[in-house]
């Protein structure tokens, strides 16, 4: 996945700005676990089988030409207090906030 590779490549920049990365995917836990065994990453990737988390963050996409019951690619910067400080949600499954743009946004938060 291109998005995960971009996050992995920018981990030093992200951590230098005091942020942590947590990825949430709307996929079955067993499938995520099997994929991670073959593709380890330096940040947690969590499974949201019930879609509760993606709905809470407003990135759930029930139905579209490119998706069915999944999350739109999104970046949400959450302060330690729990306050959402920044949110970018792609308009399609193929959109994504590039790693350099994400790091720049972190500098503004």
PDB file of N, CA and C in Angstrom:
ATOM      1  N   UNK A   1       0.832  -1.181   0.000  1.00  0.00           N
ATOM      2  CA  UNK A   1       0.000   0.000   0.000  1.00  0.00           C
ATOM      3  C   UNK A   1       0.879   1.248   0.000  1.00  0.00           C
ATOM      4  N   UNK A   2       0.645   2.074  -0.978  1.00  0.00           N
ATOM      5  CA  UNK A   2       1.440   3.283  -1.149  1.00  0.00           C
ATOM      6  C   UNK A   2       1.364   4.214   0.065  1.00  0.00           C
ATOM      7  N   UNK A   3       0.176   4.335   0.645  1.00  0.00           N
ATOM      8  CA  UNK A   3       0.001   5.236   1.784  1.00  0.00           C
ATOM      9  C   UNK A   3       0.836   4.800   2.979  1.00  0.00           C
ATOM     10  N   UNK A   4       0.840   3.518   3.266  1.00  0.00           N
ATOM     11  CA  UNK A   4       1.612   3.014   4.397  1.00  0.00           C
ATOM     12  C   UNK A   4       3.108   3.191   4.165  1.00  0.00           C
ATOM     13  N   UNK A   5       3.537   2.999   2.926  1.00  0.00           N
ATOM     14  CA  UNK A   5       4.945   3.192   2.599  1.00  0.00           C
ATOM     15  C   UNK A   5       5.342   4.650   2.821  1.00  0.00           C
ATOM     16  N   UNK A   6       4.476   5.578   2.453  1.00  0.00           N
ATOM     17  CA  UNK A   6       4.772   6.999   2.669  1.00  0.00           C
ATOM     18  C   UNK A   6       4.873   7.327   4.155  1.00  0.00           C
ATOM     19  N   UNK A   7       3.983   6.770   4.947  1.00  0.00           N
ATOM     20  CA  UNK A   7       4.066   6.990   6.396  1.00  0.00           C
ATOM     21  C   UNK A   7       5.360   6.421   6.956  1.00  0.00           C
ATOM     22  N   UNK A   8       5.692   5.220   6.537  1.00  0.00           N
ATOM     23  CA  UNK A   8       6.913   4.565   7.013  1.00  0.00           C
ATOM     24  C   UNK A   8       8.145   5.410   6.649  1.00  0.00           C
ATOM     25  N   UNK A   9       8.175   5.941   5.425  1.00  0.00           N
ATOM     26  CA  UNK A   9       9.309   6.752   4.968  1.00  0.00           C
ATOM     27  C   UNK A   9       9.438   8.060   5.752  1.00  0.00           C
ATOM     28  N   UNK A  10       8.331   8.572   6.279  1.00  0.00           N
ATOM     29  CA  UNK A  10       8.352   9.864   6.974  1.00  0.00           C
ATOM     30  C   UNK A  10       8.324   9.727   8.493  1.00  0.00           C
ATOM     31  N   UNK A  11       8.527   8.519   9.014  1.00  0.00           N
ATOM     32  CA  UNK A  11       8.419   8.288  10.456  1.00  0.00           C
ATOM     33  C   UNK A  11       9.355   9.183  11.276  1.00  0.00           C
ATOM     34  N   UNK A  12      10.581   9.389  10.821  1.00  0.00           N
ATOM     35  CA  UNK A  12      11.503  10.237  11.580  1.00  0.00           C
ATOM     36  C   UNK A  12      10.966  11.662  11.688  1.00  0.00           C
ATOM     37  N   UNK A  13      10.446  12.197  10.578  1.00  0.00           N
ATOM     38  CA  UNK A  13       9.865  13.548  10.579  1.00  0.00           C
ATOM     39  C   UNK A  13       8.638  13.622  11.478  1.00  0.00           C
ATOM     40  N   UNK A  14       7.810  12.598  11.414  1.00  0.00           N
ATOM     41  CA  UNK A  14       6.572  12.566  12.203  1.00  0.00           C
ATOM     42  C   UNK A  14       6.916  12.537  13.693  1.00  0.00           C
ATOM     43  N   UNK A  15       7.805  11.651  14.082  1.00  0.00           N
ATOM     44  CA  UNK A  15       8.195  11.543  15.496  1.00  0.00           C
ATOM     45  C   UNK A  15       8.912  12.803  15.980  1.00  0.00           C
ATOM     46  N   UNK A  16       9.714  13.426  15.120  1.00  0.00           N
ATOM     47  CA  UNK A  16      10.420  14.653  15.493  1.00  0.00           C
ATOM     48  C   UNK A  16       9.443  15.783  15.822  1.00  0.00           C
ATOM     49  N   UNK A  17       8.236  15.708  15.269  1.00  0.00           N
ATOM     50  CA  UNK A  17       7.223  16.722  15.547  1.00  0.00           C
ATOM     51  C   UNK A  17       6.323  16.327  16.722  1.00  0.00           C
ATOM     52  N   UNK A  18       6.661  15.187  17.366  1.00  0.00           N
ATOM     53  CA  UNK A  18       5.934  14.771  18.560  1.00  0.00           C
ATOM     54  C   UNK A  18       4.666  13.983  18.288  1.00  0.00           C
ATOM     55  N   UNK A  19       4.528  13.422  17.104  1.00  0.00           N
ATOM     56  CA  UNK A  19       3.332  12.662  16.760  1.00  0.00           C
ATOM     57  C   UNK A  19       3.627  11.175  16.737  1.00  0.00           C
ATOM     58  N   UNK A  20       2.585  10.390  16.912  1.00  0.00           N
ATOM     59  CA  UNK A  20       2.638   8.939  16.759  1.00  0.00           C
ATOM     60  C   UNK A  20       1.687   8.575  15.625  1.00  0.00           C
ATOM     61  N   UNK A  21       1.955   7.486  14.956  1.00  0.00           N
ATOM     62  CA  UNK A  21       1.091   7.010  13.873  1.00  0.00           C
ATOM     63  C   UNK A  21       0.342   5.779  14.357  1.00  0.00           C
ATOM     64  N   UNK A  22      -0.968   5.796  14.151  1.00  0.00           N
ATOM     65  CA  UNK A  22      -1.810   4.619  14.362  1.00  0.00           C
ATOM     66  C   UNK A  22      -2.712   4.524  13.132  1.00  0.00           C
ATOM     67  N   UNK A  23      -2.694   3.396  12.483  1.00  0.00           N
ATOM     68  CA  UNK A  23      -3.504   3.187  11.287  1.00  0.00           C
ATOM     69  C   UNK A  23      -4.695   2.313  11.658  1.00  0.00           C
ATOM     70  N   UNK A  24      -5.877   2.721  11.212  1.00  0.00           N
ATOM     71  CA  UNK A  24      -7.093   1.944  11.444  1.00  0.00           C
ATOM     72  C   UNK A  24      -7.643   1.540  10.080  1.00  0.00           C
ATOM     73  N   UNK A  25      -7.872   0.244   9.902  1.00  0.00           N
ATOM     74  CA  UNK A  25      -8.417  -0.261   8.643  1.00  0.00           C
ATOM     75  C   UNK A  25      -9.728  -0.988   8.907  1.00  0.00           C
ATOM     76  N   UNK A  26     -10.649  -0.863   7.977  1.00  0.00           N
ATOM     77  CA  UNK A  26     -11.955  -1.511   8.109  1.00  0.00           C
ATOM     78  C   UNK A  26     -11.907  -2.883   7.433  1.00  0.00           C
ATOM     79  N   UNK A  27     -11.103  -3.753   8.025  1.00  0.00           N
ATOM     80  CA  UNK A  27     -10.923  -5.087   7.467  1.00  0.00           C
ATOM     81  C   UNK A  27     -10.928  -6.112   8.591  1.00  0.00           C
ATOM     82  N   UNK A  28     -11.101  -7.354   8.225  1.00  0.00           N
ATOM     83  CA  UNK A  28     -11.137  -8.439   9.203  1.00  0.00           C
ATOM     84  C   UNK A  28      -9.790  -8.569   9.910  1.00  0.00           C
ATOM     85  N   UNK A  29      -9.852  -8.765  11.200  1.00  0.00           N
ATOM     86  CA  UNK A  29      -8.648  -8.863  12.034  1.00  0.00           C
ATOM     87  C   UNK A  29      -7.689  -9.939  11.537  1.00  0.00           C
ATOM     88  N   UNK A  30      -8.200 -11.112  11.206  1.00  0.00           N
ATOM     89  CA  UNK A  30      -7.325 -12.198  10.757  1.00  0.00           C
ATOM     90  C   UNK A  30      -6.608 -11.842   9.461  1.00  0.00           C
ATOM     91  N   UNK A  31      -7.308 -11.173   8.554  1.00  0.00           N
ATOM     92  CA  UNK A  31      -6.691 -10.762   7.294  1.00  0.00           C
ATOM     93  C   UNK A  31      -5.602  -9.720   7.543  1.00  0.00           C
ATOM     94  N   UNK A  32      -5.866  -8.783   8.447  1.00  0.00           N
ATOM     95  CA  UNK A  32      -4.875  -7.754   8.784  1.00  0.00           C
ATOM     96  C   UNK A  32      -3.652  -8.409   9.429  1.00  0.00           C
ATOM     97  N   UNK A  33      -3.889  -9.301  10.370  1.00  0.00           N
ATOM     98  CA  UNK A  33      -2.784  -9.990  11.054  1.00  0.00           C
ATOM     99  C   UNK A  33      -1.928 -10.764  10.047  1.00  0.00           C
ATOM    100  N   UNK A  34      -2.554 -11.489   9.143  1.00  0.00           N
ATOM    101  CA  UNK A  34      -1.808 -12.269   8.150  1.00  0.00           C
ATOM    102  C   UNK A  34      -0.995 -11.343   7.242  1.00  0.00           C
ATOM    103  N   UNK A  35      -1.570 -10.219   6.840  1.00  0.00           N
ATOM    104  CA  UNK A  35      -0.865  -9.272   5.985  1.00  0.00           C
ATOM    105  C   UNK A  35       0.332  -8.670   6.724  1.00  0.00           C
ATOM    106  N   UNK A  36       0.128  -8.330   7.999  1.00  0.00           N
ATOM    107  CA  UNK A  36       1.207  -7.716   8.783  1.00  0.00           C
ATOM    108  C   UNK A  36       2.365  -8.677   9.041  1.00  0.00           C
ATOM    109  N   UNK A  37       2.078  -9.967   9.124  1.00  0.00           N
ATOM    110  CA  UNK A  37       3.157 -10.935   9.304  1.00  0.00           C
ATOM    111  C   UNK A  37       4.119 -10.900   8.122  1.00  0.00           C
ATOM    112  N   UNK A  38       3.585 -10.632   6.935  1.00  0.00           N
ATOM    113  CA  UNK A  38       4.416 -10.571   5.726  1.00  0.00           C
ATOM    114  C   UNK A  38       4.928  -9.158   5.447  1.00  0.00           C
ATOM    115  N   UNK A  39       4.273  -8.153   6.018  1.00  0.00           N
ATOM    116  CA  UNK A  39       4.592  -6.750   5.743  1.00  0.00           C
ATOM    117  C   UNK A  39       4.647  -5.958   7.043  1.00  0.00           C
ATOM    118  N   UNK A  40       5.661  -6.161   7.859  1.00  0.00           N
ATOM    119  CA  UNK A  40       5.716  -5.445   9.142  1.00  0.00           C
ATOM    120  C   UNK A  40       5.885  -3.937   8.944  1.00  0.00           C
ATOM    121  N   UNK A  41       5.348  -3.176   9.885  1.00  0.00           N
ATOM    122  CA  UNK A  41       5.430  -1.726   9.858  1.00  0.00           C
ATOM    123  C   UNK A  41       5.850  -1.211  11.235  1.00  0.00           C
ATOM    124  N   UNK A  42       6.452  -0.024  11.294  1.00  0.00           N
ATOM    125  CA  UNK A  42       6.932   0.509  12.578  1.00  0.00           C
ATOM    126  C   UNK A  42       5.854   1.233  13.384  1.00  0.00           C
ATOM    127  N   UNK A  43       4.601   1.016  13.046  1.00  0.00           N
ATOM    128  CA  UNK A  43       3.486   1.637  13.767  1.00  0.00           C
ATOM    129  C   UNK A  43       2.337   0.642  13.825  1.00  0.00           C
ATOM    130  N   UNK A  44       1.455   0.801  14.809  1.00  0.00           N
ATOM    131  CA  UNK A  44       0.338  -0.143  14.916  1.00  0.00           C
ATOM    132  C   UNK A  44      -0.668   0.031  13.790  1.00  0.00           C
ATOM    133  N   UNK A  45      -1.172  -1.092  13.304  1.00  0.00           N
ATOM    134  CA  UNK A  45      -2.258  -1.113  12.321  1.00  0.00           C
ATOM    135  C   UNK A  45      -3.384  -1.908  12.959  1.00  0.00           C
ATOM    136  N   UNK A  46      -4.487  -1.217  13.218  1.00  0.00           N
ATOM    137  CA  UNK A  46      -5.597  -1.798  13.960  1.00  0.00           C
ATOM    138  C   UNK A  46      -6.761  -2.134  13.035  1.00  0.00           C
ATOM    139  N   UNK A  47      -7.450  -3.206  13.352  1.00  0.00           N
ATOM    140  CA  UNK A  47      -8.608  -3.637  12.586  1.00  0.00           C
ATOM    141  C   UNK A  47      -9.891  -3.122  13.229  1.00  0.00           C
ATOM    142  N   UNK A  48     -10.753  -2.537  12.418  1.00  0.00           N
ATOM    143  CA  UNK A  48     -12.053  -2.041  12.879  1.00  0.00           C
ATOM    144  C   UNK A  48     -13.148  -2.824  12.150  1.00  0.00           C
ATOM    145  N   UNK A  49     -13.290  -4.068  12.538  1.00  0.00           N
ATOM    146  CA  UNK A  49     -14.262  -4.943  11.868  1.00  0.00           C
ATOM    147  C   UNK A  49     -15.695  -4.435  11.991  1.00  0.00           C
ATOM    148  N   UNK A  50     -16.028  -3.802  13.098  1.00  0.00           N
ATOM    149  CA  UNK A  50     -17.407  -3.340  13.325  1.00  0.00           C
ATOM    150  C   UNK A  50     -17.680  -1.982  12.684  1.00  0.00           C
ATOM    151  N   UNK A  51     -16.635  -1.318  12.224  1.00  0.00           N
ATOM    152  CA  UNK A  51     -16.724   0.013  11.595  1.00  0.00           C
ATOM    153  C   UNK A  51     -17.059   1.123  12.598  1.00  0.00           C
ATOM    154  N   UNK A  52     -17.034   0.844  13.891  1.00  0.00           N
ATOM    155  CA  UNK A  52     -17.373   1.858  14.902  1.00  0.00           C
ATOM    156  C   UNK A  52     -16.397   3.033  14.888  1.00  0.00           C
ATOM    157  N   UNK A  53     -15.120   2.746  14.813  1.00  0.00           N
ATOM    158  CA  UNK A  53     -14.117   3.806  14.860  1.00  0.00           C
ATOM    159  C   UNK A  53     -14.169   4.670  13.612  1.00  0.00           C
ATOM    160  N   UNK A  54     -14.247   4.047  12.443  1.00  0.00           N
ATOM    161  CA  UNK A  54     -14.273   4.857  11.217  1.00  0.00           C
ATOM    162  C   UNK A  54     -15.549   5.687  11.132  1.00  0.00           C
ATOM    163  N   UNK A  55     -16.633   5.181  11.684  1.00  0.00           N
ATOM    164  CA  UNK A  55     -17.861   5.984  11.733  1.00  0.00           C
ATOM    165  C   UNK A  55     -17.700   7.158  12.690  1.00  0.00           C
ATOM    166  N   UNK A  56     -17.068   6.917  13.845  1.00  0.00           N
ATOM    167  CA  UNK A  56     -16.876   7.974  14.837  1.00  0.00           C
ATOM    168  C   UNK A  56     -16.017   9.110  14.286  1.00  0.00           C
ATOM    169  N   UNK A  57     -15.062   8.787  13.427  1.00  0.00           N
ATOM    170  CA  UNK A  57     -14.197   9.809  12.845  1.00  0.00           C
ATOM    171  C   UNK A  57     -14.734  10.362  11.523  1.00  0.00           C
ATOM    172  N   UNK A  58     -15.900   9.895  11.108  1.00  0.00           N
ATOM    173  CA  UNK A  58     -16.538  10.453   9.918  1.00  0.00           C
ATOM    174  C   UNK A  58     -15.891  10.078   8.605  1.00  0.00           C
ATOM    175  N   UNK A  59     -15.262   8.911   8.541  1.00  0.00           N
ATOM    176  CA  UNK A  59     -14.630   8.495   7.289  1.00  0.00           C
ATOM    177  C   UNK A  59     -15.268   7.240   6.691  1.00  0.00           C
ATOM    178  N   UNK A  60     -16.356   6.791   7.281  1.00  0.00           N
ATOM    179  CA  UNK A  60     -17.068   5.607   6.795  1.00  0.00           C
ATOM    180  C   UNK A  60     -17.723   5.916   5.457  1.00  0.00           C
ATOM    181  N   UNK A  61     -17.595   4.999   4.532  1.00  0.00           N
ATOM    182  CA  UNK A  61     -18.216   5.140   3.209  1.00  0.00           C
ATOM    183  C   UNK A  61     -19.031   3.877   2.954  1.00  0.00           C
ATOM    184  N   UNK A  62     -20.347   4.014   3.021  1.00  0.00           N
ATOM    185  CA  UNK A  62     -21.224   2.847   2.926  1.00  0.00           C
ATOM    186  C   UNK A  62     -21.226   2.230   1.536  1.00  0.00           C
ATOM    187  N   UNK A  63     -21.351   3.061   0.498  1.00  0.00           N
ATOM    188  CA  UNK A  63     -21.502   2.521  -0.848  1.00  0.00           C
ATOM    189  C   UNK A  63     -21.088   3.562  -1.873  1.00  0.00           C
ATOM    190  N   UNK A  64     -20.356   3.121  -2.861  1.00  0.00           N
ATOM    191  CA  UNK A  64     -19.960   4.004  -3.947  1.00  0.00           C
ATOM    192  C   UNK A  64     -19.407   3.182  -5.088  1.00  0.00           C
ATOM    193  N   UNK A  65     -19.079   3.855  -6.184  1.00  0.00           N
ATOM    194  CA  UNK A  65     -18.553   3.127  -7.335  1.00  0.00           C
ATOM    195  C   UNK A  65     -17.212   2.473  -7.028  1.00  0.00           C
ATOM    196  N   UNK A  66     -16.524   2.989  -6.020  1.00  0.00           N
ATOM    197  CA  UNK A  66     -15.196   2.479  -5.706  1.00  0.00           C
ATOM    198  C   UNK A  66     -15.099   1.783  -4.352  1.00  0.00           C
ATOM    199  N   UNK A  67     -16.244   1.644  -3.657  1.00  0.00           N
ATOM    200  CA  UNK A  67     -16.134   1.133  -2.294  1.00  0.00           C
ATOM    201  C   UNK A  67     -17.467   0.572  -1.788  1.00  0.00           C
ATOM    202  N   UNK A  68     -17.348  -0.299  -0.784  1.00  0.00           N
ATOM    203  CA  UNK A  68     -18.516  -0.841  -0.095  1.00  0.00           C
ATOM    204  C   UNK A  68     -18.141  -1.084   1.360  1.00  0.00           C
ATOM    205  N   UNK A  69     -18.769  -0.327   2.273  1.00  0.00           N
ATOM    206  CA  UNK A  69     -18.588  -0.471   3.718  1.00  0.00           C
ATOM    207  C   UNK A  69     -17.126  -0.367   4.169  1.00  0.00           C
ATOM    208  N   UNK A  70     -16.428   0.631   3.682  1.00  0.00           N
ATOM    209  CA  UNK A  70     -15.037   0.814   4.071  1.00  0.00           C
ATOM    210  C   UNK A  70     -14.800   2.260   4.488  1.00  0.00           C
ATOM    211  N   UNK A  71     -13.578   2.552   4.837  1.00  0.00           N
ATOM    212  CA  UNK A  71     -13.196   3.914   5.209  1.00  0.00           C
ATOM    213  C   UNK A  71     -12.552   4.597   4.016  1.00  0.00           C
ATOM    214  N   UNK A  72     -12.870   5.868   3.866  1.00  0.00           N
ATOM    215  CA  UNK A  72     -12.134   6.682   2.904  1.00  0.00           C
ATOM    216  C   UNK A  72     -10.726   6.877   3.470  1.00  0.00           C
ATOM    217  N   UNK A  73      -9.716   6.933   2.614  1.00  0.00           N
ATOM    218  CA  UNK A  73      -8.392   7.274   3.123  1.00  0.00           C
ATOM    219  C   UNK A  73      -8.455   8.625   3.831  1.00  0.00           C
ATOM    220  N   UNK A  74      -7.912   8.681   5.024  1.00  0.00           N
ATOM    221  CA  UNK A  74      -8.014   9.908   5.815  1.00  0.00           C
ATOM    222  C   UNK A  74      -6.820  10.036   6.744  1.00  0.00           C
ATOM    223  N   UNK A  75      -6.561  11.266   7.132  1.00  0.00           N
ATOM    224  CA  UNK A  75      -5.576  11.564   8.158  1.00  0.00           C
ATOM    225  C   UNK A  75      -6.293  12.386   9.209  1.00  0.00           C
ATOM    226  N   UNK A  76      -6.169  11.955  10.452  1.00  0.00           N
ATOM    227  CA  UNK A  76      -6.761  12.686  11.562  1.00  0.00           C
ATOM    228  C   UNK A  76      -5.648  12.897  12.586  1.00  0.00           C
ATOM    229  N   UNK A  77      -5.376  14.168  12.905  1.00  0.00           N
ATOM    230  CA  UNK A  77      -4.383  14.470  13.938  1.00  0.00           C
ATOM    231  C   UNK A  77      -5.141  14.749  15.220  1.00  0.00           C
ATOM    232  N   UNK A  78      -4.882  13.930  16.228  1.00  0.00           N
ATOM    233  CA  UNK A  78      -5.592  14.007  17.498  1.00  0.00           C
ATOM    234  C   UNK A  78      -4.597  14.386  18.591  1.00  0.00           C
ATOM    235  N   UNK A  79      -4.921  15.418  19.339  1.00  0.00           N
ATOM    236  CA  UNK A  79      -4.072  15.844  20.452  1.00  0.00           C
ATOM    237  C   UNK A  79      -4.176  14.827  21.586  1.00  0.00           C
ATOM    238  N   UNK A  80      -3.231  14.860  22.503  1.00  0.00           N
ATOM    239  CA  UNK A  80      -3.266  13.950  23.652  1.00  0.00           C
ATOM    240  C   UNK A  80      -4.543  14.126  24.452  1.00  0.00           C
ATOM    241  N   UNK A  81      -5.140  15.316  24.396  1.00  0.00           N
ATOM    242  CA  UNK A  81      -6.393  15.590  25.103  1.00  0.00           C
ATOM    243  C   UNK A  81      -7.593  14.908  24.446  1.00  0.00           C
ATOM    244  N   UNK A  82      -7.394  14.396  23.225  1.00  0.00           N
ATOM    245  CA  UNK A  82      -8.485  13.772  22.487  1.00  0.00           C
ATOM    246  C   UNK A  82      -9.118  14.708  21.466  1.00  0.00           C
ATOM    247  N   UNK A  83      -8.697  15.959  21.465  1.00  0.00           N
ATOM    248  CA  UNK A  83      -9.242  16.942  20.521  1.00  0.00           C
ATOM    249  C   UNK A  83      -8.705  16.679  19.115  1.00  0.00           C
ATOM    250  N   UNK A  84      -9.603  16.647  18.126  1.00  0.00           N
ATOM    251  CA  UNK A  84      -9.191  16.512  16.735  1.00  0.00           C
ATOM    252  C   UNK A  84      -8.658  17.873  16.295  1.00  0.00           C
ATOM    253  N   UNK A  85      -7.387  17.914  15.898  1.00  0.00           N
ATOM    254  CA  UNK A  85      -6.741  19.174  15.525  1.00  0.00           C
ATOM    255  C   UNK A  85      -6.681  19.370  14.022  1.00  0.00           C
ATOM    256  N   UNK A  86      -6.771  18.283  13.263  1.00  0.00           N
ATOM    257  CA  UNK A  86      -6.731  18.359  11.806  1.00  0.00           C
ATOM    258  C   UNK A  86      -7.391  17.110  11.254  1.00  0.00           C
ATOM    259  N   UNK A  87      -8.092  17.270  10.141  1.00  0.00           N
ATOM    260  CA  UNK A  87      -8.767  16.134   9.513  1.00  0.00           C
ATOM    261  C   UNK A  87      -8.768  16.345   8.007  1.00  0.00           C
ATOM    262  N   UNK A  88      -8.287  15.371   7.254  1.00  0.00           N
ATOM    263  CA  UNK A  88      -8.338  15.398   5.793  1.00  0.00           C
ATOM    264  C   UNK A  88      -8.878  14.051   5.332  1.00  0.00           C
ATOM    265  N   UNK A  89      -9.977  14.076   4.601  1.00  0.00           N
ATOM    266  CA  UNK A  89     -10.605  12.849   4.116  1.00  0.00           C
ATOM    267  C   UNK A  89     -10.634  12.896   2.591  1.00  0.00           C
ATOM    268  N   UNK A  90     -10.140  11.849   1.964  1.00  0.00           N
ATOM    269  CA  UNK A  90     -10.129  11.785   0.503  1.00  0.00           C
ATOM    270  C   UNK A  90     -11.550  11.669  -0.037  1.00  0.00           C
ATOM    271  N   UNK A  91     -11.767  12.190  -1.216  1.00  0.00           N
ATOM    272  CA  UNK A  91     -13.094  12.125  -1.823  1.00  0.00           C
ATOM    273  C   UNK A  91     -13.336  10.786  -2.513  1.00  0.00           C
ATOM    274  N   UNK A  92     -12.260  10.035  -2.769  1.00  0.00           N
ATOM    275  CA  UNK A  92     -12.394   8.697  -3.360  1.00  0.00           C
ATOM    276  C   UNK A  92     -11.429   7.751  -2.654  1.00  0.00           C
ATOM    277  N   UNK A  93     -11.530   6.480  -2.960  1.00  0.00           N
ATOM    278  CA  UNK A  93     -10.632   5.473  -2.392  1.00  0.00           C
ATOM    279  C   UNK A  93      -9.205   5.669  -2.846  1.00  0.00           C
ATOM    280  N   UNK A  94      -9.023   6.425  -3.903  1.00  0.00           N
ATOM    281  CA  UNK A  94      -7.699   6.554  -4.494  1.00  0.00           C
ATOM    282  C   UNK A  94      -6.983   7.827  -4.062  1.00  0.00           C
ATOM    283  N   UNK A  95      -7.626   8.623  -3.229  1.00  0.00           N
ATOM    284  CA  UNK A  95      -7.019   9.858  -2.756  1.00  0.00           C
ATOM    285  C   UNK A  95      -6.193   9.623  -1.510  1.00  0.00           C
ATOM    286  N   UNK A  96      -5.273  10.565  -1.237  1.00  0.00           N
ATOM    287  CA  UNK A  96      -4.420  10.416  -0.060  1.00  0.00           C
ATOM    288  C   UNK A  96      -3.654  11.703   0.163  1.00  0.00           C
ATOM    289  N   UNK A  97      -3.486  12.088   1.405  1.00  0.00           N
ATOM    290  CA  UNK A  97      -2.650  13.225   1.761  1.00  0.00           C
ATOM    291  C   UNK A  97      -1.205  12.741   1.753  1.00  0.00           C
ATOM    292  N   UNK A  98      -0.411  13.230   0.823  1.00  0.00           N
ATOM    293  CA  UNK A  98       0.976  12.778   0.683  1.00  0.00           C
ATOM    294  C   UNK A  98       1.773  13.013   1.969  1.00  0.00           C
ATOM    295  N   UNK A  99       2.813  12.213   2.160  1.00  0.00           N
ATOM    296  CA  UNK A  99       3.619  12.281   3.365  1.00  0.00           C
ATOM    297  C   UNK A  99       4.202  13.654   3.632  1.00  0.00           C
ATOM    298  N   UNK A 100       4.686  14.342   2.587  1.00  0.00           N
ATOM    299  CA  UNK A 100       5.271  15.670   2.791  1.00  0.00           C
ATOM    300  C   UNK A 100       4.208  16.683   3.200  1.00  0.00           C
ATOM    301  N   UNK A 101       3.012  16.573   2.637  1.00  0.00           N
ATOM    302  CA  UNK A 101       1.917  17.467   3.012  1.00  0.00           C
ATOM    303  C   UNK A 101       1.474  17.189   4.449  1.00  0.00           C
ATOM    304  N   UNK A 102       1.473  15.930   4.836  1.00  0.00           N
ATOM    305  CA  UNK A 102       1.102  15.569   6.213  1.00  0.00           C
ATOM    306  C   UNK A 102       2.096  16.159   7.215  1.00  0.00           C
ATOM    307  N   UNK A 103       3.367  16.013   6.934  1.00  0.00           N
ATOM    308  CA  UNK A 103       4.387  16.551   7.827  1.00  0.00           C
ATOM    309  C   UNK A 103       4.278  18.075   7.904  1.00  0.00           C
ATOM    310  N   UNK A 104       4.012  18.721   6.791  1.00  0.00           N
ATOM    311  CA  UNK A 104       3.837  20.179   6.796  1.00  0.00           C
ATOM    312  C   UNK A 104       2.645  20.572   7.654  1.00  0.00           C
ATOM    313  N   UNK A 105       1.555  19.822   7.562  1.00  0.00           N
ATOM    314  CA  UNK A 105       0.361  20.115   8.367  1.00  0.00           C
ATOM    315  C   UNK A 105       0.653  19.931   9.853  1.00  0.00           C
ATOM    316  N   UNK A 106       1.445  18.953  10.194  1.00  0.00           N
ATOM    317  CA  UNK A 106       1.821  18.723  11.592  1.00  0.00           C
ATOM    318  C   UNK A 106       2.559  19.922  12.157  1.00  0.00           C
ATOM    319  N   UNK A 107       3.323  20.605  11.322  1.00  0.00           N
ATOM    320  CA  UNK A 107       4.029  21.793  11.756  1.00  0.00           C
ATOM    321  C   UNK A 107       3.112  22.950  12.068  1.00  0.00           C
ATOM    322  N   UNK A 108       1.895  22.929  11.507  1.00  0.00           N
ATOM    323  CA  UNK A 108       0.921  24.001  11.744  1.00  0.00           C
ATOM    324  C   UNK A 108       0.014  23.741  12.935  1.00  0.00           C
ATOM    325  N   UNK A 109      -0.043  22.499  13.382  1.00  0.00           N
ATOM    326  CA  UNK A 109      -0.967  22.138  14.464  1.00  0.00           C
ATOM    327  C   UNK A 109      -0.372  22.485  15.810  1.00  0.00           C
TER     328      UNK A 109
END
